[in-house]
Amino acid sequence: MSTKPPSSLTERRKAATQIEIAHAAAELFATQGPHATTAEEIARHAGVALRTFYRYFRSKQDAVSPLLAAGADRWRTLLEAAEPGADLTSALETAAERSLAAPDEAATTALLRTRELLRAAADDPALRAVWYRVNQESEERLVPVVARLADGRLGAIQVRLVAAAAADAIRIALETWAETEAGVTGEGSPAALAIHCLRQLSGGMRTLVATGDSEG
């Protein structure tokens, strides 16, 4: 799901319905697990008809994709606000730190929900596939953002490499955090782990930007 606001009332209502279904699915997954949850239960919990559920989602696992994509959407939106030509690694780190911060109860709840879903995905291949698909889509949407920020300093292949590495760094940080009992802030938090992962890549990224390449 995109973070850009829907352009019409109908689209806004559709987006709101999708989010309501996503929250219902996440709540049921947390209390009884994906295996014991049916699409019918999710629809009933969200207060919609089953046909409405399938209008928006292909499966019960797919229903939580808007929640899993929300963090990546926030990160990309923050990166889109950065100036072209800015230091790319710094822009990636700053956006990651801000998008994974937990300044209020809503942000904290969202992160904890993500942890619950990632833990559930460990035993549910279909849910894990949704997580991987969300990350792949995030990487693809990140490519033009990185290209704009690079401002001609990187070739097409290099842009794709940076987008792939950055997206995977965030994914690995969240997966690592989900395996622990670390809090949403401080040492071991998603933001701290994301910064650590991105900094492991920063040397290679700076080399790419410094050398440039016409390849691709």
N, C-alpha and C. Protein backbone atom coordinates (compact mmCIF):
# COMPACT_ATOMS: atom_id res chain seq x y z
N MET A 1 0.84 -1.20 0.00
CA MET A 1 0.00 0.00 0.00
C MET A 1 0.87 1.24 0.00
N SER A 2 0.48 2.20 -0.81
CA SER A 2 1.25 3.43 -0.88
C SER A 2 0.88 4.35 0.27
N THR A 3 1.83 5.18 0.69
CA THR A 3 1.53 6.16 1.73
C THR A 3 0.92 7.42 1.14
N LYS A 4 0.91 7.55 -0.18
CA LYS A 4 0.31 8.73 -0.78
C LYS A 4 -1.20 8.67 -0.59
N PRO A 5 -1.82 9.79 -0.18
CA PRO A 5 -3.25 9.77 0.10
C PRO A 5 -4.06 9.49 -1.15
N PRO A 6 -5.10 8.64 -1.07
CA PRO A 6 -5.95 8.39 -2.22
C PRO A 6 -6.56 9.68 -2.72
N SER A 7 -6.77 9.78 -4.02
CA SER A 7 -7.18 11.04 -4.62
C SER A 7 -8.67 11.29 -4.57
N SER A 8 -9.48 10.30 -4.29
CA SER A 8 -10.92 10.49 -4.26
C SER A 8 -11.51 9.89 -2.99
N LEU A 9 -12.76 10.28 -2.70
CA LEU A 9 -13.44 9.76 -1.51
C LEU A 9 -13.59 8.26 -1.60
N THR A 10 -13.93 7.76 -2.80
CA THR A 10 -14.07 6.32 -2.98
C THR A 10 -12.77 5.59 -2.69
N GLU A 11 -11.66 6.13 -3.18
CA GLU A 11 -10.36 5.50 -2.96
C GLU A 11 -9.98 5.55 -1.48
N ARG A 12 -10.32 6.65 -0.82
CA ARG A 12 -10.02 6.75 0.61
C ARG A 12 -10.83 5.73 1.41
N ARG A 13 -12.07 5.52 1.02
CA ARG A 13 -12.89 4.52 1.70
C ARG A 13 -12.35 3.12 1.47
N LYS A 14 -11.92 2.86 0.26
CA LYS A 14 -11.33 1.55 -0.05
C LYS A 14 -10.07 1.32 0.78
N ALA A 15 -9.23 2.35 0.86
CA ALA A 15 -7.99 2.24 1.64
C ALA A 15 -8.30 2.00 3.11
N ALA A 16 -9.33 2.71 3.62
CA ALA A 16 -9.71 2.54 5.03
C ALA A 16 -10.22 1.13 5.28
N THR A 17 -10.97 0.58 4.34
CA THR A 17 -11.48 -0.79 4.47
C THR A 17 -10.33 -1.79 4.47
N GLN A 18 -9.36 -1.57 3.60
CA GLN A 18 -8.20 -2.46 3.56
C GLN A 18 -7.47 -2.46 4.90
N ILE A 19 -7.29 -1.29 5.47
CA ILE A 19 -6.59 -1.19 6.75
C ILE A 19 -7.39 -1.86 7.86
N GLU A 20 -8.70 -1.69 7.86
CA GLU A 20 -9.55 -2.33 8.87
C GLU A 20 -9.42 -3.86 8.79
N ILE A 21 -9.43 -4.39 7.57
CA ILE A 21 -9.28 -5.82 7.38
C ILE A 21 -7.90 -6.27 7.84
N ALA A 22 -6.87 -5.48 7.50
CA ALA A 22 -5.50 -5.81 7.89
C ALA A 22 -5.35 -5.88 9.40
N HIS A 23 -5.92 -4.91 10.09
CA HIS A 23 -5.85 -4.91 11.56
C HIS A 23 -6.59 -6.10 12.14
N ALA A 24 -7.74 -6.42 11.57
CA ALA A 24 -8.51 -7.58 12.05
C ALA A 24 -7.70 -8.86 11.88
N ALA A 25 -7.07 -9.01 10.73
CA ALA A 25 -6.25 -10.20 10.48
C ALA A 25 -5.09 -10.28 11.44
N ALA A 26 -4.41 -9.16 11.67
CA ALA A 26 -3.26 -9.15 12.57
C ALA A 26 -3.67 -9.51 13.99
N GLU A 27 -4.80 -9.00 14.43
CA GLU A 27 -5.28 -9.31 15.79
C GLU A 27 -5.57 -10.80 15.94
N LEU A 28 -6.22 -11.37 14.94
CA LEU A 28 -6.55 -12.79 15.01
C LEU A 28 -5.29 -13.65 14.90
N PHE A 29 -4.37 -13.26 14.04
CA PHE A 29 -3.11 -14.01 13.93
C PHE A 29 -2.36 -14.00 15.26
N ALA A 30 -2.41 -12.85 15.96
CA ALA A 30 -1.69 -12.73 17.23
C ALA A 30 -2.31 -13.59 18.32
N THR A 31 -3.63 -13.72 18.31
CA THR A 31 -4.31 -14.45 19.39
C THR A 31 -4.45 -15.94 19.12
N GLN A 32 -4.60 -16.33 17.85
CA GLN A 32 -4.83 -17.75 17.58
C GLN A 32 -3.95 -18.33 16.47
N GLY A 33 -3.11 -17.48 15.86
CA GLY A 33 -2.20 -17.95 14.84
C GLY A 33 -2.83 -17.99 13.46
N PRO A 34 -2.03 -17.86 12.41
CA PRO A 34 -2.56 -17.87 11.04
C PRO A 34 -3.26 -19.19 10.69
N HIS A 35 -2.71 -20.32 11.17
CA HIS A 35 -3.27 -21.62 10.80
C HIS A 35 -4.70 -21.78 11.29
N ALA A 36 -4.99 -21.25 12.46
CA ALA A 36 -6.32 -21.42 13.05
C ALA A 36 -7.29 -20.32 12.64
N THR A 37 -6.82 -19.38 11.85
CA THR A 37 -7.65 -18.25 11.43
C THR A 37 -8.14 -18.46 10.01
N THR A 38 -9.39 -18.15 9.78
CA THR A 38 -9.96 -18.27 8.42
C THR A 38 -10.26 -16.89 7.87
N ALA A 39 -10.40 -16.83 6.55
CA ALA A 39 -10.77 -15.56 5.90
C ALA A 39 -12.14 -15.12 6.37
N GLU A 40 -13.03 -16.09 6.61
CA GLU A 40 -14.37 -15.75 7.10
C GLU A 40 -14.30 -15.06 8.46
N GLU A 41 -13.44 -15.55 9.33
CA GLU A 41 -13.28 -14.93 10.65
C GLU A 41 -12.74 -13.52 10.54
N ILE A 42 -11.78 -13.34 9.66
CA ILE A 42 -11.19 -12.01 9.48
C ILE A 42 -12.25 -11.03 8.98
N ALA A 43 -13.01 -11.46 7.99
CA ALA A 43 -14.06 -10.60 7.45
C ALA A 43 -15.07 -10.23 8.52
N ARG A 44 -15.48 -11.22 9.30
CA ARG A 44 -16.46 -10.98 10.37
C ARG A 44 -15.88 -10.02 11.42
N HIS A 45 -14.62 -10.24 11.78
CA HIS A 45 -13.96 -9.40 12.78
C HIS A 45 -13.83 -7.96 12.28
N ALA A 46 -13.65 -7.80 10.97
CA ALA A 46 -13.51 -6.46 10.38
C ALA A 46 -14.85 -5.82 10.07
N GLY A 47 -15.93 -6.62 10.18
CA GLY A 47 -17.26 -6.09 9.90
C GLY A 47 -17.56 -5.92 8.43
N VAL A 48 -16.97 -6.80 7.60
CA VAL A 48 -17.23 -6.73 6.16
C VAL A 48 -17.68 -8.10 5.66
N ALA A 49 -18.26 -8.11 4.47
CA ALA A 49 -18.67 -9.37 3.87
C ALA A 49 -17.45 -10.12 3.35
N LEU A 50 -17.57 -11.44 3.24
CA LEU A 50 -16.45 -12.23 2.75
C LEU A 50 -16.08 -11.82 1.33
N ARG A 51 -17.07 -11.50 0.52
CA ARG A 51 -16.78 -11.08 -0.86
C ARG A 51 -15.98 -9.77 -0.88
N THR A 52 -16.22 -8.91 0.14
CA THR A 52 -15.43 -7.68 0.24
C THR A 52 -13.99 -8.00 0.58
N PHE A 53 -13.80 -8.97 1.48
CA PHE A 53 -12.44 -9.40 1.83
C PHE A 53 -11.68 -9.82 0.56
N TYR A 54 -12.31 -10.69 -0.24
CA TYR A 54 -11.63 -11.20 -1.42
C TYR A 54 -11.54 -10.17 -2.56
N ARG A 55 -12.27 -9.09 -2.43
CA ARG A 55 -12.12 -8.02 -3.42
C ARG A 55 -10.76 -7.35 -3.26
N TYR A 56 -10.26 -7.34 -2.01
CA TYR A 56 -9.01 -6.64 -1.72
C TYR A 56 -7.82 -7.56 -1.53
N PHE A 57 -8.05 -8.78 -1.05
CA PHE A 57 -6.93 -9.67 -0.72
C PHE A 57 -7.14 -11.06 -1.28
N ARG A 58 -6.04 -11.67 -1.69
CA ARG A 58 -6.11 -13.00 -2.31
C ARG A 58 -6.18 -14.11 -1.30
N SER A 59 -5.69 -13.86 -0.10
CA SER A 59 -5.66 -14.90 0.93
C SER A 59 -5.67 -14.26 2.30
N LYS A 60 -5.85 -15.09 3.33
CA LYS A 60 -5.83 -14.55 4.70
C LYS A 60 -4.47 -13.96 5.05
N GLN A 61 -3.41 -14.59 4.58
CA GLN A 61 -2.07 -14.07 4.86
C GLN A 61 -1.83 -12.74 4.14
N ASP A 62 -2.36 -12.63 2.94
CA ASP A 62 -2.18 -11.40 2.17
C ASP A 62 -2.84 -10.21 2.85
N ALA A 63 -3.81 -10.48 3.72
CA ALA A 63 -4.57 -9.40 4.36
C ALA A 63 -3.70 -8.50 5.22
N VAL A 64 -2.57 -9.01 5.73
CA VAL A 64 -1.72 -8.16 6.59
C VAL A 64 -0.65 -7.42 5.80
N SER A 65 -0.63 -7.56 4.49
CA SER A 65 0.41 -6.91 3.69
C SER A 65 0.44 -5.39 3.85
N PRO A 66 -0.71 -4.70 4.00
CA PRO A 66 -0.60 -3.24 4.21
C PRO A 66 0.15 -2.87 5.48
N LEU A 67 0.01 -3.68 6.52
CA LEU A 67 0.71 -3.40 7.77
C LEU A 67 2.21 -3.68 7.63
N LEU A 68 2.54 -4.76 6.93
CA LEU A 68 3.96 -5.09 6.73
C LEU A 68 4.65 -4.08 5.82
N ALA A 69 3.88 -3.47 4.92
CA ALA A 69 4.46 -2.51 3.98
C ALA A 69 4.55 -1.10 4.54
N ALA A 70 3.85 -0.84 5.64
CA ALA A 70 3.74 0.54 6.15
C ALA A 70 5.09 1.16 6.48
N GLY A 71 5.98 0.39 7.14
CA GLY A 71 7.28 0.91 7.51
C GLY A 71 8.12 1.29 6.30
N ALA A 72 8.11 0.42 5.29
CA ALA A 72 8.86 0.69 4.07
C ALA A 72 8.31 1.91 3.35
N ASP A 73 6.99 2.06 3.39
CA ASP A 73 6.38 3.24 2.77
C ASP A 73 6.82 4.53 3.47
N ARG A 74 6.87 4.49 4.81
CA ARG A 74 7.31 5.67 5.55
C ARG A 74 8.76 6.00 5.22
N TRP A 75 9.59 4.96 5.17
CA TRP A 75 11.01 5.16 4.86
C TRP A 75 11.18 5.78 3.49
N ARG A 76 10.45 5.25 2.51
CA ARG A 76 10.56 5.77 1.15
C ARG A 76 10.06 7.21 1.06
N THR A 77 8.99 7.52 1.77
CA THR A 77 8.46 8.88 1.76
C THR A 77 9.48 9.87 2.32
N LEU A 78 10.16 9.47 3.40
CA LEU A 78 11.19 10.33 3.98
C LEU A 78 12.36 10.51 3.00
N LEU A 79 12.73 9.45 2.30
CA LEU A 79 13.82 9.55 1.33
C LEU A 79 13.42 10.46 0.16
N GLU A 80 12.16 10.39 -0.23
CA GLU A 80 11.70 11.22 -1.34
C GLU A 80 11.79 12.71 -1.01
N ALA A 81 11.79 13.02 0.29
CA ALA A 81 11.87 14.42 0.71
C ALA A 81 13.31 14.94 0.74
N ALA A 82 14.29 14.03 0.63
CA ALA A 82 15.69 14.44 0.66
C ALA A 82 16.07 15.12 -0.66
N GLU A 83 17.07 15.97 -0.60
CA GLU A 83 17.50 16.72 -1.78
C GLU A 83 18.38 15.85 -2.68
N PRO A 84 18.19 15.90 -3.99
CA PRO A 84 19.08 15.18 -4.91
C PRO A 84 20.52 15.64 -4.71
N GLY A 85 21.42 14.70 -4.78
CA GLY A 85 22.83 15.03 -4.59
C GLY A 85 23.30 14.98 -3.16
N ALA A 86 22.35 14.78 -2.22
CA ALA A 86 22.73 14.67 -0.82
C ALA A 86 23.53 13.39 -0.60
N ASP A 87 24.25 13.32 0.53
CA ASP A 87 25.00 12.11 0.83
C ASP A 87 24.02 10.94 0.93
N LEU A 88 24.18 9.96 0.07
CA LEU A 88 23.20 8.89 -0.05
C LEU A 88 23.13 8.02 1.19
N THR A 89 24.27 7.64 1.74
CA THR A 89 24.25 6.78 2.91
C THR A 89 23.66 7.50 4.12
N SER A 90 23.98 8.77 4.27
CA SER A 90 23.41 9.53 5.38
C SER A 90 21.90 9.66 5.24
N ALA A 91 21.44 9.88 4.01
CA ALA A 91 20.01 10.00 3.76
C ALA A 91 19.29 8.69 4.08
N LEU A 92 19.88 7.57 3.71
CA LEU A 92 19.29 6.26 3.99
C LEU A 92 19.22 6.01 5.49
N GLU A 93 20.30 6.33 6.19
CA GLU A 93 20.34 6.11 7.64
C GLU A 93 19.34 7.01 8.37
N THR A 94 19.29 8.26 8.01
CA THR A 94 18.39 9.20 8.67
C THR A 94 16.94 8.79 8.47
N ALA A 95 16.60 8.41 7.24
CA ALA A 95 15.23 8.01 6.94
C ALA A 95 14.87 6.73 7.68
N ALA A 96 15.81 5.79 7.75
CA ALA A 96 15.56 4.53 8.45
C ALA A 96 15.34 4.79 9.94
N GLU A 97 16.19 5.62 10.53
CA GLU A 97 16.07 5.92 11.96
C GLU A 97 14.73 6.57 12.27
N ARG A 98 14.31 7.50 11.43
CA ARG A 98 13.04 8.20 11.67
C ARG A 98 11.84 7.29 11.41
N SER A 99 11.91 6.47 10.38
CA SER A 99 10.76 5.63 10.04
C SER A 99 10.56 4.50 11.04
N LEU A 100 11.63 4.08 11.71
CA LEU A 100 11.55 2.98 12.67
C LEU A 100 11.53 3.46 14.11
N ALA A 101 11.47 4.76 14.30
CA ALA A 101 11.39 5.31 15.65
C ALA A 101 10.03 5.01 16.26
N ALA A 102 9.95 5.10 17.57
CA ALA A 102 8.68 4.86 18.26
C ALA A 102 8.39 6.04 19.18
N PRO A 103 8.04 7.19 18.60
CA PRO A 103 7.85 8.40 19.40
C PRO A 103 6.52 8.45 20.15
N ASP A 104 5.59 7.57 19.77
CA ASP A 104 4.28 7.60 20.42
C ASP A 104 3.70 6.19 20.49
N GLU A 105 2.53 6.10 21.09
CA GLU A 105 1.91 4.79 21.30
C GLU A 105 1.55 4.11 20.00
N ALA A 106 1.08 4.88 19.02
CA ALA A 106 0.69 4.30 17.73
C ALA A 106 1.89 3.66 17.04
N ALA A 107 3.03 4.35 17.05
CA ALA A 107 4.24 3.81 16.41
C ALA A 107 4.74 2.58 17.15
N THR A 108 4.67 2.61 18.47
CA THR A 108 5.08 1.45 19.27
C THR A 108 4.21 0.25 18.96
N THR A 109 2.90 0.47 18.90
CA THR A 109 1.97 -0.61 18.60
C THR A 109 2.24 -1.20 17.22
N ALA A 110 2.53 -0.34 16.25
CA ALA A 110 2.79 -0.81 14.90
C ALA A 110 4.03 -1.70 14.85
N LEU A 111 5.08 -1.30 15.55
CA LEU A 111 6.30 -2.10 15.57
C LEU A 111 6.07 -3.44 16.26
N LEU A 112 5.39 -3.42 17.39
CA LEU A 112 5.12 -4.67 18.10
C LEU A 112 4.24 -5.59 17.27
N ARG A 113 3.33 -5.03 16.51
CA ARG A 113 2.49 -5.85 15.64
C ARG A 113 3.34 -6.50 14.54
N THR A 114 4.28 -5.72 14.01
CA THR A 114 5.18 -6.27 13.00
C THR A 114 5.97 -7.44 13.58
N ARG A 115 6.43 -7.30 14.81
CA ARG A 115 7.18 -8.39 15.44
C ARG A 115 6.30 -9.64 15.56
N GLU A 116 5.06 -9.46 15.96
CA GLU A 116 4.14 -10.61 16.07
C GLU A 116 3.95 -11.29 14.72
N LEU A 117 3.81 -10.50 13.67
CA LEU A 117 3.60 -11.06 12.34
C LEU A 117 4.84 -11.79 11.84
N LEU A 118 6.02 -11.22 12.10
CA LEU A 118 7.26 -11.88 11.66
C LEU A 118 7.48 -13.18 12.43
N ARG A 119 7.12 -13.21 13.68
CA ARG A 119 7.24 -14.45 14.45
C ARG A 119 6.26 -15.49 13.92
N ALA A 120 5.07 -15.06 13.59
CA ALA A 120 4.08 -15.99 13.03
C ALA A 120 4.54 -16.50 11.67
N ALA A 121 5.22 -15.66 10.90
CA ALA A 121 5.70 -16.04 9.57
C ALA A 121 6.73 -17.15 9.63
N ALA A 122 7.42 -17.27 10.76
CA ALA A 122 8.44 -18.30 10.89
C ALA A 122 7.86 -19.70 10.72
N ASP A 123 6.59 -19.87 11.08
CA ASP A 123 5.94 -21.18 10.99
C ASP A 123 4.84 -21.22 9.93
N ASP A 124 4.76 -20.18 9.13
CA ASP A 124 3.72 -20.11 8.11
C ASP A 124 4.33 -19.69 6.78
N PRO A 125 4.61 -20.64 5.89
CA PRO A 125 5.26 -20.31 4.61
C PRO A 125 4.49 -19.28 3.79
N ALA A 126 3.16 -19.32 3.84
CA ALA A 126 2.36 -18.38 3.05
C ALA A 126 2.53 -16.96 3.58
N LEU A 127 2.56 -16.81 4.90
CA LEU A 127 2.76 -15.49 5.49
C LEU A 127 4.18 -15.01 5.22
N ARG A 128 5.14 -15.93 5.28
CA ARG A 128 6.53 -15.58 4.98
C ARG A 128 6.65 -15.11 3.53
N ALA A 129 5.91 -15.73 2.62
CA ALA A 129 5.94 -15.34 1.22
C ALA A 129 5.39 -13.93 1.03
N VAL A 130 4.37 -13.59 1.81
CA VAL A 130 3.82 -12.23 1.75
C VAL A 130 4.88 -11.23 2.21
N TRP A 131 5.58 -11.55 3.27
CA TRP A 131 6.65 -10.68 3.78
C TRP A 131 7.73 -10.47 2.74
N TYR A 132 8.15 -11.54 2.09
CA TYR A 132 9.18 -11.42 1.06
C TYR A 132 8.67 -10.61 -0.14
N ARG A 133 7.41 -10.81 -0.51
CA ARG A 133 6.84 -10.07 -1.62
C ARG A 133 6.77 -8.57 -1.31
N VAL A 134 6.37 -8.25 -0.08
CA VAL A 134 6.32 -6.85 0.34
C VAL A 134 7.70 -6.21 0.24
N ASN A 135 8.73 -6.95 0.66
CA ASN A 135 10.09 -6.42 0.58
C ASN A 135 10.58 -6.28 -0.85
N GLN A 136 10.21 -7.21 -1.71
CA GLN A 136 10.58 -7.11 -3.11
C GLN A 136 9.94 -5.88 -3.75
N GLU A 137 8.67 -5.66 -3.44
CA GLU A 137 7.97 -4.49 -3.97
C GLU A 137 8.60 -3.20 -3.44
N SER A 138 9.00 -3.23 -2.18
CA SER A 138 9.65 -2.06 -1.59
C SER A 138 10.96 -1.76 -2.31
N GLU A 139 11.72 -2.80 -2.58
CA GLU A 139 12.99 -2.61 -3.29
C GLU A 139 12.76 -1.99 -4.67
N GLU A 140 11.75 -2.49 -5.38
CA GLU A 140 11.47 -1.99 -6.73
C GLU A 140 11.06 -0.52 -6.69
N ARG A 141 10.26 -0.15 -5.68
CA ARG A 141 9.82 1.24 -5.56
C ARG A 141 10.94 2.15 -5.09
N LEU A 142 11.94 1.56 -4.46
CA LEU A 142 13.07 2.34 -3.96
C LEU A 142 14.03 2.74 -5.08
N VAL A 143 14.05 1.98 -6.16
CA VAL A 143 15.00 2.23 -7.26
C VAL A 143 14.91 3.66 -7.80
N PRO A 144 13.73 4.15 -8.20
CA PRO A 144 13.70 5.53 -8.72
C PRO A 144 14.03 6.57 -7.66
N VAL A 145 13.76 6.27 -6.40
CA VAL A 145 14.09 7.21 -5.32
C VAL A 145 15.61 7.32 -5.18
N VAL A 146 16.28 6.17 -5.19
CA VAL A 146 17.75 6.17 -5.12
C VAL A 146 18.35 6.86 -6.33
N ALA A 147 17.78 6.61 -7.51
CA ALA A 147 18.29 7.24 -8.73
C ALA A 147 18.19 8.76 -8.64
N ARG A 148 17.09 9.26 -8.10
CA ARG A 148 16.92 10.71 -7.97
C ARG A 148 17.93 11.28 -6.97
N LEU A 149 18.10 10.58 -5.84
CA LEU A 149 19.03 11.06 -4.83
C LEU A 149 20.48 11.02 -5.34
N ALA A 150 20.80 9.98 -6.13
CA ALA A 150 22.16 9.85 -6.65
C ALA A 150 22.48 10.97 -7.64
N ASP A 151 21.44 11.50 -8.28
CA ASP A 151 21.60 12.67 -9.14
C ASP A 151 22.67 12.47 -10.21
N GLY A 152 22.62 11.33 -10.87
CA GLY A 152 23.55 11.06 -11.97
C GLY A 152 24.89 10.49 -11.56
N ARG A 153 25.12 10.31 -10.25
CA ARG A 153 26.42 9.81 -9.79
C ARG A 153 26.53 8.29 -9.91
N LEU A 154 25.41 7.60 -10.12
CA LEU A 154 25.42 6.14 -10.22
C LEU A 154 24.80 5.69 -11.53
N GLY A 155 25.33 4.58 -12.06
CA GLY A 155 24.72 3.97 -13.22
C GLY A 155 23.50 3.16 -12.81
N ALA A 156 22.76 2.66 -13.78
CA ALA A 156 21.51 1.94 -13.51
C ALA A 156 21.74 0.71 -12.64
N ILE A 157 22.80 -0.05 -12.93
CA ILE A 157 23.08 -1.26 -12.15
C ILE A 157 23.44 -0.88 -10.71
N GLN A 158 24.23 0.17 -10.54
CA GLN A 158 24.61 0.59 -9.20
C GLN A 158 23.39 1.05 -8.39
N VAL A 159 22.48 1.75 -9.05
CA VAL A 159 21.26 2.19 -8.37
C VAL A 159 20.48 0.99 -7.85
N ARG A 160 20.36 -0.02 -8.70
CA ARG A 160 19.64 -1.23 -8.29
C ARG A 160 20.35 -1.95 -7.14
N LEU A 161 21.66 -1.96 -7.19
CA LEU A 161 22.43 -2.60 -6.10
C LEU A 161 22.21 -1.88 -4.77
N VAL A 162 22.23 -0.56 -4.81
CA VAL A 162 22.03 0.21 -3.58
C VAL A 162 20.62 -0.02 -3.06
N ALA A 163 19.62 0.02 -3.93
CA ALA A 163 18.23 -0.19 -3.51
C ALA A 163 18.05 -1.57 -2.91
N ALA A 164 18.62 -2.58 -3.54
CA ALA A 164 18.49 -3.95 -3.05
C ALA A 164 19.18 -4.11 -1.69
N ALA A 165 20.39 -3.58 -1.59
CA ALA A 165 21.13 -3.71 -0.34
C ALA A 165 20.44 -2.97 0.80
N ALA A 166 19.95 -1.77 0.53
CA ALA A 166 19.30 -0.98 1.57
C ALA A 166 18.00 -1.65 2.02
N ALA A 167 17.20 -2.12 1.07
CA ALA A 167 15.95 -2.78 1.42
C ALA A 167 16.21 -4.05 2.24
N ASP A 168 17.22 -4.81 1.87
CA ASP A 168 17.55 -6.02 2.62
C ASP A 168 18.10 -5.69 4.01
N ALA A 169 18.81 -4.59 4.12
CA ALA A 169 19.34 -4.18 5.43
C ALA A 169 18.19 -3.93 6.41
N ILE A 170 17.15 -3.26 5.96
CA ILE A 170 16.00 -2.99 6.81
C ILE A 170 15.27 -4.28 7.13
N ARG A 171 15.11 -5.14 6.13
CA ARG A 171 14.43 -6.43 6.34
C ARG A 171 15.17 -7.27 7.39
N ILE A 172 16.48 -7.36 7.25
CA ILE A 172 17.28 -8.16 8.19
C ILE A 172 17.22 -7.56 9.59
N ALA A 173 17.23 -6.24 9.68
CA ALA A 173 17.15 -5.60 10.99
C ALA A 173 15.84 -5.96 11.69
N LEU A 174 14.74 -5.89 10.96
CA LEU A 174 13.44 -6.21 11.54
C LEU A 174 13.33 -7.69 11.90
N GLU A 175 13.83 -8.56 11.05
CA GLU A 175 13.79 -9.99 11.33
C GLU A 175 14.64 -10.32 12.55
N THR A 176 15.80 -9.69 12.66
CA THR A 176 16.69 -9.92 13.80
C THR A 176 16.03 -9.46 15.09
N TRP A 177 15.42 -8.27 15.05
CA TRP A 177 14.73 -7.74 16.23
C TRP A 177 13.57 -8.65 16.64
N ALA A 178 12.84 -9.17 15.66
CA ALA A 178 11.68 -10.01 15.95
C ALA A 178 12.06 -11.29 16.69
N GLU A 179 13.32 -11.71 16.56
CA GLU A 179 13.77 -12.92 17.22
C GLU A 179 14.19 -12.67 18.67
N THR A 180 14.15 -11.41 19.09
CA THR A 180 14.59 -11.04 20.43
C THR A 180 13.44 -10.46 21.24
N GLU A 181 13.75 -10.09 22.47
CA GLU A 181 12.78 -9.40 23.32
C GLU A 181 13.19 -7.94 23.51
N ALA A 182 14.07 -7.43 22.64
CA ALA A 182 14.51 -6.05 22.74
C ALA A 182 13.34 -5.09 22.57
N GLY A 183 13.45 -3.91 23.17
CA GLY A 183 12.39 -2.94 23.08
C GLY A 183 12.32 -2.25 21.73
N VAL A 184 11.38 -1.33 21.61
CA VAL A 184 11.21 -0.61 20.35
C VAL A 184 12.13 0.60 20.26
N THR A 185 12.82 0.90 21.36
CA THR A 185 13.81 1.98 21.35
C THR A 185 15.07 1.48 22.07
N GLY A 186 16.16 2.19 21.86
CA GLY A 186 17.40 1.85 22.55
C GLY A 186 18.17 0.73 21.86
N GLU A 187 19.10 0.14 22.61
CA GLU A 187 19.95 -0.91 22.07
C GLU A 187 19.13 -2.11 21.62
N GLY A 188 19.44 -2.59 20.42
CA GLY A 188 18.74 -3.76 19.91
C GLY A 188 17.38 -3.47 19.30
N SER A 189 16.99 -2.20 19.26
CA SER A 189 15.70 -1.82 18.68
C SER A 189 15.77 -1.88 17.16
N PRO A 190 14.60 -1.83 16.48
CA PRO A 190 14.62 -1.84 15.01
C PRO A 190 15.46 -0.73 14.42
N ALA A 191 15.32 0.49 14.95
CA ALA A 191 16.09 1.61 14.42
C ALA A 191 17.59 1.40 14.61
N ALA A 192 17.98 0.95 15.80
CA ALA A 192 19.41 0.74 16.08
C ALA A 192 19.98 -0.35 15.18
N LEU A 193 19.23 -1.43 15.00
CA LEU A 193 19.70 -2.52 14.15
C LEU A 193 19.76 -2.09 12.68
N ALA A 194 18.78 -1.29 12.26
CA ALA A 194 18.78 -0.82 10.88
C ALA A 194 20.00 0.05 10.59
N ILE A 195 20.31 0.95 11.52
CA ILE A 195 21.50 1.79 11.36
C ILE A 195 22.75 0.92 11.30
N HIS A 196 22.83 -0.08 12.18
CA HIS A 196 23.98 -0.99 12.19
C HIS A 196 24.12 -1.70 10.84
N CYS A 197 23.02 -2.22 10.33
CA CYS A 197 23.06 -2.94 9.05
C CYS A 197 23.45 -2.01 7.91
N LEU A 198 22.87 -0.82 7.89
CA LEU A 198 23.19 0.11 6.81
C LEU A 198 24.65 0.55 6.87
N ARG A 199 25.18 0.68 8.07
CA ARG A 199 26.58 1.09 8.19
C ARG A 199 27.54 -0.01 7.76
N GLN A 200 27.10 -1.25 7.85
CA GLN A 200 27.92 -2.33 7.32
C GLN A 200 28.06 -2.22 5.81
N LEU A 201 27.06 -1.57 5.19
CA LEU A 201 27.06 -1.43 3.73
C LEU A 201 27.64 -0.10 3.27
N SER A 202 27.80 0.84 4.19
CA SER A 202 28.11 2.22 3.81
C SER A 202 29.43 2.36 3.07
N GLY A 203 30.42 1.56 3.45
CA GLY A 203 31.70 1.65 2.75
C GLY A 203 31.57 1.33 1.28
N GLY A 204 30.84 0.26 0.97
CA GLY A 204 30.63 -0.10 -0.42
C GLY A 204 29.81 0.93 -1.16
N MET A 205 28.80 1.50 -0.50
CA MET A 205 27.97 2.51 -1.15
C MET A 205 28.78 3.76 -1.48
N ARG A 206 29.61 4.18 -0.51
CA ARG A 206 30.41 5.38 -0.75
C ARG A 206 31.41 5.15 -1.89
N THR A 207 31.92 3.93 -1.98
CA THR A 207 32.83 3.62 -3.08
C THR A 207 32.12 3.72 -4.43
N LEU A 208 30.88 3.20 -4.47
CA LEU A 208 30.10 3.29 -5.70
C LEU A 208 29.88 4.73 -6.11
N VAL A 209 29.48 5.56 -5.15
CA VAL A 209 29.20 6.96 -5.46
C VAL A 209 30.48 7.68 -5.88
N ALA A 210 31.60 7.37 -5.20
CA ALA A 210 32.85 8.06 -5.50
C ALA A 210 33.40 7.69 -6.87
N THR A 211 33.27 6.43 -7.24
CA THR A 211 33.87 6.00 -8.50
C THR A 211 32.97 6.27 -9.69
N GLY A 212 31.65 6.18 -9.48
CA GLY A 212 30.72 6.38 -10.59
C GLY A 212 30.88 5.27 -11.61
N ASP A 213 29.94 5.21 -12.54
CA ASP A 213 29.98 4.15 -13.54
C ASP A 213 28.96 4.47 -14.61
N SER A 214 29.31 4.26 -15.83
CA SER A 214 28.36 4.46 -16.94
C SER A 214 27.66 3.18 -17.31
N GLU A 215 28.00 2.08 -16.61
CA GLU A 215 27.43 0.78 -16.94
C GLU A 215 25.92 0.80 -16.70
N GLY A 216 25.18 0.13 -17.55
CA GLY A 216 23.74 0.00 -17.40
C GLY A 216 23.03 1.20 -17.94
